[in-house]
PDB file of N, CA and C in Angstrom:
ATOM      1  N   MET A   1       4.290  30.665  11.483  1.00  0.00           N
ATOM      2  CA  MET A   1       4.171  29.712  10.209  1.00  0.00           C
ATOM      3  C   MET A   1       4.664  28.619  10.424  1.00  0.00           C
ATOM      4  N   LYS A   2       4.107  27.404  10.025  1.00  0.00           N
ATOM      5  CA  LYS A   2       4.808  26.081  10.004  1.00  0.00           C
ATOM      6  C   LYS A   2       5.595  25.950   9.132  1.00  0.00           C
ATOM      7  N   ALA A   3       6.575  25.385   9.547  1.00  0.00           N
ATOM      8  CA  ALA A   3       7.805  24.865   8.596  1.00  0.00           C
ATOM      9  C   ALA A   3       7.124  23.776   7.536  1.00  0.00           C
ATOM     10  N   PRO A   4       7.822  23.695   6.335  1.00  0.00           N
ATOM     11  CA  PRO A   4       7.105  23.008   5.338  1.00  0.00           C
ATOM     12  C   PRO A   4       7.464  21.500   5.849  1.00  0.00           C
ATOM     13  N   MET A   5       6.479  20.480   5.362  1.00  0.00           N
ATOM     14  CA  MET A   5       6.902  19.144   5.534  1.00  0.00           C
ATOM     15  C   MET A   5       7.848  18.756   4.740  1.00  0.00           C
ATOM     16  N   SER A   6       8.795  17.808   5.322  1.00  0.00           N
ATOM     17  CA  SER A   6      10.054  17.529   4.859  1.00  0.00           C
ATOM     18  C   SER A   6       9.841  15.889   4.232  1.00  0.00           C
ATOM     19  N   LEU A   7      10.148  15.633   3.033  1.00  0.00           N
ATOM     20  CA  LEU A   7       9.964  14.606   2.449  1.00  0.00           C
ATOM     21  C   LEU A   7      11.091  13.753   1.691  1.00  0.00           C
ATOM     22  N   GLY A   8      11.177  12.668   1.856  1.00  0.00           N
ATOM     23  CA  GLY A   8      12.270  12.091   1.113  1.00  0.00           C
ATOM     24  C   GLY A   8      11.787  11.486  -0.269  1.00  0.00           C
ATOM     25  N   TRP A   9      12.869  11.305  -1.196  1.00  0.00           N
ATOM     26  CA  TRP A   9      12.623  10.489  -2.390  1.00  0.00           C
ATOM     27  C   TRP A   9      13.518   9.284  -2.696  1.00  0.00           C
ATOM     28  N   THR A  10      13.128   8.414  -3.365  1.00  0.00           N
ATOM     29  CA  THR A  10      14.167   7.287  -3.688  1.00  0.00           C
ATOM     30  C   THR A  10      13.670   6.650  -4.837  1.00  0.00           C
ATOM     31  N   SER A  11      14.581   6.386  -5.608  1.00  0.00           N
ATOM     32  CA  SER A  11      14.360   5.746  -6.811  1.00  0.00           C
ATOM     33  C   SER A  11      15.531   4.878  -7.299  1.00  0.00           C
ATOM     34  N   ASP A  12      15.149   3.697  -8.365  1.00  0.00           N
ATOM     35  CA  ASP A  12      15.804   2.846  -9.130  1.00  0.00           C
ATOM     36  C   ASP A  12      15.794   2.989 -10.325  1.00  0.00           C
ATOM     37  N   PRO A  13      16.406   2.293 -11.255  1.00  0.00           N
ATOM     38  CA  PRO A  13      16.334   2.487 -12.831  1.00  0.00           C
ATOM     39  C   PRO A  13      14.742   2.473 -13.141  1.00  0.00           C
ATOM     40  N   ALA A  14      14.111   1.581 -12.757  1.00  0.00           N
ATOM     41  CA  ALA A  14      12.495   1.335 -13.157  1.00  0.00           C
ATOM     42  C   ALA A  14      11.425   2.304 -12.477  1.00  0.00           C
ATOM     43  N   HIS A  15      11.601   2.711 -11.257  1.00  0.00           N
ATOM     44  CA  HIS A  15      10.753   3.625 -10.581  1.00  0.00           C
ATOM     45  C   HIS A  15      11.064   4.464  -9.692  1.00  0.00           C
ATOM     46  N   GLY A  16      10.308   5.210  -8.977  1.00  0.00           N
ATOM     47  CA  GLY A  16      10.734   6.321  -8.016  1.00  0.00           C
ATOM     48  C   GLY A  16       9.547   6.082  -6.937  1.00  0.00           C
ATOM     49  N   TRP A  17       9.754   6.709  -5.694  1.00  0.00           N
ATOM     50  CA  TRP A  17       8.915   6.569  -4.429  1.00  0.00           C
ATOM     51  C   TRP A  17       9.096   7.871  -3.727  1.00  0.00           C
ATOM     52  N   LEU A  18       8.162   8.280  -3.296  1.00  0.00           N
ATOM     53  CA  LEU A  18       8.007   9.441  -2.378  1.00  0.00           C
ATOM     54  C   LEU A  18       7.944   8.759  -0.745  1.00  0.00           C
ATOM     55  N   LEU A  19       8.898   9.247  -0.128  1.00  0.00           N
ATOM     56  CA  LEU A  19       8.906   8.629   1.367  1.00  0.00           C
ATOM     57  C   LEU A  19       8.198   9.292   2.358  1.00  0.00           C
ATOM     58  N   VAL A  20       7.035   8.811   3.090  1.00  0.00           N
ATOM     59  CA  VAL A  20       6.305   9.492   3.924  1.00  0.00           C
ATOM     60  C   VAL A  20       6.056   8.668   5.184  1.00  0.00           C
ATOM     61  N   THR A  21       6.387   9.545   6.308  1.00  0.00           N
ATOM     62  CA  THR A  21       6.451   8.621   7.562  1.00  0.00           C
ATOM     63  C   THR A  21       4.827   8.576   7.936  1.00  0.00           C
ATOM     64  N   GLU A  22       4.610   7.555   8.980  1.00  0.00           N
ATOM     65  CA  GLU A  22       3.378   7.431   9.306  1.00  0.00           C
ATOM     66  C   GLU A  22       2.507   8.747   9.855  1.00  0.00           C
ATOM     67  N   GLU A  23       3.233   9.642  10.756  1.00  0.00           N
ATOM     68  CA  GLU A  23       2.835  10.944  10.966  1.00  0.00           C
ATOM     69  C   GLU A  23       2.364  11.934   9.860  1.00  0.00           C
ATOM     70  N   GLN A  24       3.316  11.968   9.037  1.00  0.00           N
ATOM     71  CA  GLN A  24       2.847  12.788   7.847  1.00  0.00           C
ATOM     72  C   GLN A  24       1.710  12.233   7.192  1.00  0.00           C
ATOM     73  N   MET A  25       1.586  10.791   7.021  1.00  0.00           N
ATOM     74  CA  MET A  25       0.473  10.275   6.477  1.00  0.00           C
ATOM     75  C   MET A  25      -0.679  10.678   7.197  1.00  0.00           C
ATOM     76  N   LYS A  26      -0.823  10.690   8.438  1.00  0.00           N
ATOM     77  CA  LYS A  26      -1.848  11.087   9.292  1.00  0.00           C
ATOM     78  C   LYS A  26      -2.218  12.364   9.119  1.00  0.00           C
ATOM     79  N   GLU A  27      -1.244  13.268   9.002  1.00  0.00           N
ATOM     80  CA  GLU A  27      -1.288  15.090   8.723  1.00  0.00           C
ATOM     81  C   GLU A  27      -1.935  15.290   7.509  1.00  0.00           C
ATOM     82  N   SER A  28      -1.553  14.199   6.478  1.00  0.00           N
ATOM     83  CA  SER A  28      -2.224  14.603   5.234  1.00  0.00           C
ATOM     84  C   SER A  28      -3.698  14.268   5.192  1.00  0.00           C
ATOM     85  N   GLY A  29      -4.161  13.367   6.006  1.00  0.00           N
ATOM     86  CA  GLY A  29      -5.720  13.134   5.872  1.00  0.00           C
ATOM     87  C   GLY A  29      -6.107  12.033   5.123  1.00  0.00           C
ATOM     88  N   ILE A  30      -4.998  11.361   4.494  1.00  0.00           N
ATOM     89  CA  ILE A  30      -5.489  10.305   3.404  1.00  0.00           C
ATOM     90  C   ILE A  30      -5.366   9.007   4.225  1.00  0.00           C
ATOM     91  N   LYS A  31      -5.928   8.013   3.902  1.00  0.00           N
ATOM     92  CA  LYS A  31      -5.902   6.660   4.402  1.00  0.00           C
ATOM     93  C   LYS A  31      -4.912   5.793   3.611  1.00  0.00           C
ATOM     94  N   ALA A  32      -4.014   5.039   4.177  1.00  0.00           N
ATOM     95  CA  ALA A  32      -3.072   4.377   3.595  1.00  0.00           C
ATOM     96  C   ALA A  32      -3.841   3.339   2.305  1.00  0.00           C
ATOM     97  N   ALA A  33      -4.811   3.071   2.887  1.00  0.00           N
ATOM     98  CA  ALA A  33      -5.478   1.970   2.146  1.00  0.00           C
ATOM     99  C   ALA A  33      -5.939   2.623   0.676  1.00  0.00           C
ATOM    100  N   THR A  34      -5.952   3.720   0.509  1.00  0.00           N
ATOM    101  CA  THR A  34      -6.319   4.435  -0.703  1.00  0.00           C
ATOM    102  C   THR A  34      -5.234   4.221  -1.685  1.00  0.00           C
ATOM    103  N   PHE A  35      -4.437   3.947  -1.676  1.00  0.00           N
ATOM    104  CA  PHE A  35      -3.216   3.832  -2.365  1.00  0.00           C
ATOM    105  C   PHE A  35      -3.051   2.516  -3.258  1.00  0.00           C
ATOM    106  N   SER A  36      -2.316   2.621  -4.304  1.00  0.00           N
ATOM    107  CA  SER A  36      -2.237   1.291  -5.043  1.00  0.00           C
ATOM    108  C   SER A  36      -1.350   0.244  -4.550  1.00  0.00           C
ATOM    109  N   PRO A  37      -1.285  -0.881  -5.130  1.00  0.00           N
ATOM    110  CA  PRO A  37      -0.332  -1.887  -4.533  1.00  0.00           C
ATOM    111  C   PRO A  37       1.096  -1.763  -5.044  1.00  0.00           C
ATOM    112  N   TYR A  38       1.313  -0.456  -5.932  1.00  0.00           N
ATOM    113  CA  TYR A  38       2.692  -0.373  -6.157  1.00  0.00           C
ATOM    114  C   TYR A  38       3.258   0.517  -5.426  1.00  0.00           C
ATOM    115  N   SER A  39       2.668   0.977  -4.320  1.00  0.00           N
ATOM    116  CA  SER A  39       3.330   1.710  -3.122  1.00  0.00           C
ATOM    117  C   SER A  39       3.670   0.331  -1.927  1.00  0.00           C
ATOM    118  N   TYR A  40       4.432   0.829  -1.065  1.00  0.00           N
ATOM    119  CA  TYR A  40       5.095  -0.044  -0.143  1.00  0.00           C
ATOM    120  C   TYR A  40       5.179   0.640   1.355  1.00  0.00           C
ATOM    121  N   TYR A  41       5.269  -0.168   2.301  1.00  0.00           N
ATOM    122  CA  TYR A  41       5.355   0.273   3.746  1.00  0.00           C
ATOM    123  C   TYR A  41       6.237  -0.543   4.541  1.00  0.00           C
ATOM    124  N   SER A  42       6.959   0.165   5.476  1.00  0.00           N
ATOM    125  CA  SER A  42       8.004  -0.623   6.107  1.00  0.00           C
ATOM    126  C   SER A  42       7.612  -0.261   7.837  1.00  0.00           C
ATOM    127  N   ALA A  43       7.210  -1.297   8.415  1.00  0.00           N
ATOM    128  CA  ALA A  43       6.967  -1.183   9.845  1.00  0.00           C
ATOM    129  C   ALA A  43       8.153  -1.072  10.710  1.00  0.00           C
ATOM    130  N   GLU A  44       9.325  -1.433  10.352  1.00  0.00           N
ATOM    131  CA  GLU A  44      10.550  -1.024  11.012  1.00  0.00           C
ATOM    132  C   GLU A  44      10.794   0.278  11.112  1.00  0.00           C
ATOM    133  N   PHE A  45      10.634   0.971   9.737  1.00  0.00           N
ATOM    134  CA  PHE A  45      10.867   2.595   9.604  1.00  0.00           C
ATOM    135  C   PHE A  45       9.580   3.313   9.943  1.00  0.00           C
ATOM    136  N   ARG A  46       8.637   2.678   9.889  1.00  0.00           N
ATOM    137  CA  ARG A  46       7.235   3.487  10.043  1.00  0.00           C
ATOM    138  C   ARG A  46       7.001   4.279   8.809  1.00  0.00           C
ATOM    139  N   THR A  47       7.444   3.974   7.777  1.00  0.00           N
ATOM    140  CA  THR A  47       7.419   4.652   6.456  1.00  0.00           C
ATOM    141  C   THR A  47       6.880   4.064   5.443  1.00  0.00           C
ATOM    142  N   TYR A  48       5.979   4.985   4.591  1.00  0.00           N
ATOM    143  CA  TYR A  48       5.289   4.662   3.484  1.00  0.00           C
ATOM    144  C   TYR A  48       6.258   5.140   2.354  1.00  0.00           C
ATOM    145  N   ALA A  49       6.420   4.127   1.041  1.00  0.00           N
ATOM    146  CA  ALA A  49       6.924   4.564  -0.118  1.00  0.00           C
ATOM    147  C   ALA A  49       5.958   4.745  -1.228  1.00  0.00           C
ATOM    148  N   LEU A  50       5.609   5.725  -1.400  1.00  0.00           N
ATOM    149  CA  LEU A  50       4.398   6.117  -2.416  1.00  0.00           C
ATOM    150  C   LEU A  50       5.036   6.167  -3.899  1.00  0.00           C
ATOM    151  N   GLU A  51       4.408   5.114  -4.709  1.00  0.00           N
ATOM    152  CA  GLU A  51       4.809   5.177  -6.269  1.00  0.00           C
ATOM    153  C   GLU A  51       4.545   6.574  -6.781  1.00  0.00           C
ATOM    154  N   GLU A  52       5.548   6.893  -7.758  1.00  0.00           N
ATOM    155  CA  GLU A  52       5.558   8.299  -8.450  1.00  0.00           C
ATOM    156  C   GLU A  52       4.373   8.854  -9.195  1.00  0.00           C
ATOM    157  N   ASP A  53       3.939   7.470  -9.966  1.00  0.00           N
ATOM    158  CA  ASP A  53       3.104   7.872 -11.017  1.00  0.00           C
ATOM    159  C   ASP A  53       1.654   8.295 -10.448  1.00  0.00           C
ATOM    160  N   CYS A  54       1.179   7.612  -9.447  1.00  0.00           N
ATOM    161  CA  CYS A  54      -0.333   8.125  -9.157  1.00  0.00           C
ATOM    162  C   CYS A  54      -0.142   8.520  -7.491  1.00  0.00           C
ATOM    163  N   ASP A  55       0.244   7.619  -6.769  1.00  0.00           N
ATOM    164  CA  ASP A  55       0.106   7.739  -5.124  1.00  0.00           C
ATOM    165  C   ASP A  55       0.830   8.858  -4.643  1.00  0.00           C
ATOM    166  N   ALA A  56       1.990   9.058  -5.347  1.00  0.00           N
ATOM    167  CA  ALA A  56       2.677  10.418  -4.696  1.00  0.00           C
ATOM    168  C   ALA A  56       2.203  11.642  -5.007  1.00  0.00           C
ATOM    169  N   ARG A  57       1.492  11.722  -6.024  1.00  0.00           N
ATOM    170  CA  ARG A  57       0.703  13.136  -6.659  1.00  0.00           C
ATOM    171  C   ARG A  57      -0.452  12.781  -5.863  1.00  0.00           C
ATOM    172  N   LEU A  58      -1.225  11.882  -5.575  1.00  0.00           N
ATOM    173  CA  LEU A  58      -2.362  12.013  -4.648  1.00  0.00           C
ATOM    174  C   LEU A  58      -1.803  12.604  -3.289  1.00  0.00           C
ATOM    175  N   PHE A  59      -0.927  11.987  -2.789  1.00  0.00           N
ATOM    176  CA  PHE A  59      -0.665  12.483  -1.479  1.00  0.00           C
ATOM    177  C   PHE A  59      -0.001  13.985  -1.398  1.00  0.00           C
ATOM    178  N   LEU A  60       0.505  14.493  -2.497  1.00  0.00           N
ATOM    179  CA  LEU A  60       1.043  15.756  -2.613  1.00  0.00           C
ATOM    180  C   LEU A  60      -0.261  16.747  -2.889  1.00  0.00           C
ATOM    181  N   ARG A  61      -1.157  16.218  -3.815  1.00  0.00           N
ATOM    182  CA  ARG A  61      -2.400  16.967  -3.848  1.00  0.00           C
ATOM    183  C   ARG A  61      -3.073  17.149  -2.369  1.00  0.00           C
ATOM    184  N   ALA A  62      -3.234  16.180  -1.586  1.00  0.00           N
ATOM    185  CA  ALA A  62      -3.930  16.545  -0.207  1.00  0.00           C
ATOM    186  C   ALA A  62      -3.261  17.229   0.542  1.00  0.00           C
ATOM    187  N   LEU A  63      -1.845  17.465   0.446  1.00  0.00           N
ATOM    188  CA  LEU A  63      -1.007  18.477   1.190  1.00  0.00           C
ATOM    189  C   LEU A  63      -1.409  19.829   0.666  1.00  0.00           C
ATOM    190  N   ALA A  64      -1.471  20.010  -0.470  1.00  0.00           N
ATOM    191  CA  ALA A  64      -1.830  21.271  -1.274  1.00  0.00           C
ATOM    192  C   ALA A  64      -3.255  21.723  -0.883  1.00  0.00           C
ATOM    193  N   ASP A  65      -4.299  20.812  -1.027  1.00  0.00           N
ATOM    194  CA  ASP A  65      -5.526  20.958  -0.699  1.00  0.00           C
ATOM    195  C   ASP A  65      -5.721  21.637   0.798  1.00  0.00           C
ATOM    196  N   GLN A  66      -4.856  21.040   1.642  1.00  0.00           N
ATOM    197  CA  GLN A  66      -4.952  21.441   2.855  1.00  0.00           C
ATOM    198  C   GLN A  66      -3.917  22.870   3.127  1.00  0.00           C
ATOM    199  N   GLY A  67      -3.446  23.215   2.404  1.00  0.00           N
ATOM    200  CA  GLY A  67      -2.356  24.333   2.476  1.00  0.00           C
ATOM    201  C   GLY A  67      -1.141  24.080   3.164  1.00  0.00           C
ATOM    202  N   ILE A  68      -0.796  22.540   3.133  1.00  0.00           N
ATOM    203  CA  ILE A  68       0.472  22.324   3.774  1.00  0.00           C
ATOM    204  C   ILE A  68       1.516  22.350   2.899  1.00  0.00           C
ATOM    205  N   GLU A  69       2.429  23.036   3.031  1.00  0.00           N
ATOM    206  CA  GLU A  69       3.690  23.079   2.118  1.00  0.00           C
ATOM    207  C   GLU A  69       4.784  21.955   2.403  1.00  0.00           C
ATOM    208  N   HIS A  70       5.350  21.666   1.324  1.00  0.00           N
ATOM    209  CA  HIS A  70       6.497  20.439   1.460  1.00  0.00           C
ATOM    210  C   HIS A  70       7.684  20.823   0.792  1.00  0.00           C
ATOM    211  N   MET A  71       8.582  19.893   0.940  1.00  0.00           N
ATOM    212  CA  MET A  71       9.963  20.061   0.333  1.00  0.00           C
ATOM    213  C   MET A  71      10.383  18.702   0.316  1.00  0.00           C
ATOM    214  N   VAL A  72      11.025  18.208  -0.732  1.00  0.00           N
ATOM    215  CA  VAL A  72      11.779  16.867  -0.758  1.00  0.00           C
ATOM    216  C   VAL A  72      13.274  17.186  -0.310  1.00  0.00           C
ATOM    217  N   TRP A  73      13.601  16.594   0.605  1.00  0.00           N
ATOM    218  CA  TRP A  73      14.835  16.984   1.279  1.00  0.00           C
ATOM    219  C   TRP A  73      16.077  15.970   1.019  1.00  0.00           C
ATOM    220  N   GLU A  74      15.650  14.882   0.628  1.00  0.00           N
ATOM    221  CA  GLU A  74      16.862  13.801   0.374  1.00  0.00           C
ATOM    222  C   GLU A  74      16.266  12.943  -0.832  1.00  0.00           C
ATOM    223  N   GLU A  75      17.324  12.793  -1.691  1.00  0.00           N
ATOM    224  CA  GLU A  75      17.053  12.061  -2.904  1.00  0.00           C
ATOM    225  C   GLU A  75      18.114  10.911  -2.563  1.00  0.00           C
ATOM    226  N   HIS A  76      17.833   9.711  -3.031  1.00  0.00           N
ATOM    227  CA  HIS A  76      18.553   8.513  -3.206  1.00  0.00           C
ATOM    228  C   HIS A  76      18.401   7.731  -4.256  1.00  0.00           C
ATOM    229  N   GLN A  77      19.234   7.746  -5.181  1.00  0.00           N
ATOM    230  CA  GLN A  77      19.022   7.028  -6.744  1.00  0.00           C
ATOM    231  C   GLN A  77      19.958   5.563  -6.531  1.00  0.00           C
ATOM    232  N   SER A  78      19.305   4.456  -6.793  1.00  0.00           N
ATOM    233  CA  SER A  78      19.867   3.252  -6.783  1.00  0.00           C
ATOM    234  C   SER A  78      20.268   2.765  -8.154  1.00  0.00           C
ATOM    235  N   THR A  79      21.427   1.955  -8.435  1.00  0.00           N
ATOM    236  CA  THR A  79      21.705   1.441  -9.776  1.00  0.00           C
ATOM    237  C   THR A  79      20.986   0.159 -10.147  1.00  0.00           C
ATOM    238  N   GLY A  80      20.730  -0.427  -8.691  1.00  0.00           N
ATOM    239  CA  GLY A  80      19.946  -1.688  -8.607  1.00  0.00           C
ATOM    240  C   GLY A  80      18.633  -1.373  -8.426  1.00  0.00           C
ATOM    241  N   ASP A  81      18.010  -2.501  -7.828  1.00  0.00           N
ATOM    242  CA  ASP A  81      16.704  -2.297  -7.155  1.00  0.00           C
ATOM    243  C   ASP A  81      16.738  -1.634  -5.893  1.00  0.00           C
ATOM    244  N   SER A  82      15.994  -0.834  -5.696  1.00  0.00           N
ATOM    245  CA  SER A  82      15.885   0.147  -4.414  1.00  0.00           C
ATOM    246  C   SER A  82      15.482  -0.662  -3.182  1.00  0.00           C
ATOM    247  N   PHE A  83      15.914  -0.213  -2.198  1.00  0.00           N
ATOM    248  CA  PHE A  83      15.657  -1.055  -0.838  1.00  0.00           C
ATOM    249  C   PHE A  83      14.062  -0.879  -0.550  1.00  0.00           C
ATOM    250  N   VAL A  84      13.340  -0.235  -0.986  1.00  0.00           N
ATOM    251  CA  VAL A  84      12.010  -0.040  -1.087  1.00  0.00           C
ATOM    252  C   VAL A  84      11.221  -1.433  -1.679  1.00  0.00           C
ATOM    253  N   ARG A  85      12.053  -1.973  -2.678  1.00  0.00           N
ATOM    254  CA  ARG A  85      11.142  -3.119  -3.238  1.00  0.00           C
ATOM    255  C   ARG A  85      11.374  -4.265  -2.135  1.00  0.00           C
ATOM    256  N   SER A  86      12.030  -4.352  -0.980  1.00  0.00           N
ATOM    257  CA  SER A  86      12.234  -5.287  -0.036  1.00  0.00           C
ATOM    258  C   SER A  86      11.024  -4.886   1.027  1.00  0.00           C
ATOM    259  N   TRP A  87      10.357  -3.726   1.042  1.00  0.00           N
ATOM    260  CA  TRP A  87       9.086  -3.758   1.961  1.00  0.00           C
ATOM    261  C   TRP A  87       7.849  -4.345   1.271  1.00  0.00           C
ATOM    262  N   ASP A  88       6.844  -4.339   2.485  1.00  0.00           N
ATOM    263  CA  ASP A  88       5.619  -4.989   2.289  1.00  0.00           C
ATOM    264  C   ASP A  88       5.156  -3.860   1.339  1.00  0.00           C
ATOM    265  N   ARG A  89       4.336  -4.261   0.382  1.00  0.00           N
ATOM    266  CA  ARG A  89       3.284  -3.631  -0.588  1.00  0.00           C
ATOM    267  C   ARG A  89       2.032  -3.198   0.534  1.00  0.00           C
ATOM    268  N   ILE A  90       1.795  -2.196   0.331  1.00  0.00           N
ATOM    269  CA  ILE A  90       0.600  -1.515   1.241  1.00  0.00           C
ATOM    270  C   ILE A  90      -0.708  -2.660   1.267  1.00  0.00           C
ATOM    271  N   GLU A  91      -0.854  -3.037   0.325  1.00  0.00           N
ATOM    272  CA  GLU A  91      -1.897  -3.922   0.440  1.00  0.00           C
ATOM    273  C   GLU A  91      -1.906  -5.223   1.265  1.00  0.00           C
ATOM    274  N   GLN A  92      -0.566  -5.514   1.623  1.00  0.00           N
ATOM    275  CA  GLN A  92      -0.007  -6.655   2.380  1.00  0.00           C
ATOM    276  C   GLN A  92       0.031  -6.323   3.898  1.00  0.00           C
ATOM    277  N   GLU A  93       0.098  -4.880   4.314  1.00  0.00           N
ATOM    278  CA  GLU A  93       0.382  -4.680   5.737  1.00  0.00           C
ATOM    279  C   GLU A  93      -0.953  -4.096   6.235  1.00  0.00           C
ATOM    280  N   ILE A  94      -0.617  -4.183   7.673  1.00  0.00           N
ATOM    281  CA  ILE A  94      -1.780  -3.886   8.453  1.00  0.00           C
ATOM    282  C   ILE A  94      -1.811  -2.214   8.632  1.00  0.00           C
ATOM    283  N   VAL A  95      -2.665  -1.671   8.062  1.00  0.00           N
ATOM    284  CA  VAL A  95      -2.788  -0.250   7.800  1.00  0.00           C
ATOM    285  C   VAL A  95      -2.822   0.379   9.496  1.00  0.00           C
ATOM    286  N   LEU A  96      -1.701   1.043   9.676  1.00  0.00           N
ATOM    287  CA  LEU A  96      -1.518   1.603  11.102  1.00  0.00           C
ATOM    288  C   LEU A  96      -2.291   3.007  11.205  1.00  0.00           C
ATOM    289  N   SER A  97      -2.297   3.723   9.837  1.00  0.00           N
ATOM    290  CA  SER A  97      -2.957   5.327   9.988  1.00  0.00           C
ATOM    291  C   SER A  97      -4.221   5.200   9.791  1.00  0.00           C
ATOM    292  N   ASP A  98      -5.070   4.103   9.635  1.00  0.00           N
ATOM    293  CA  ASP A  98      -6.399   4.045   9.569  1.00  0.00           C
ATOM    294  C   ASP A  98      -6.940   4.008  10.815  1.00  0.00           C
TER     295      ASP A  98
END
């Protein structure tokens, strides 16, 4: 049995994001271009930050549809703006997983 996919979570007072690596994005079968401009991408960390309202749910639904178990392993809550807000919005980056 395959180990559950480990995912991170970060939030600030205004919003939250599911942290997904490029490898995890590929495994999910979803193309990054599917997500809203409220999600972010870091080329340095090769990680997506999927906004909590729609994009994170879409990703988790894709995992469930494929029978991929997951767990959120780390949570980071900021009292100011999250580090994610300094990343490029998905619409601005070159989508590497497509």
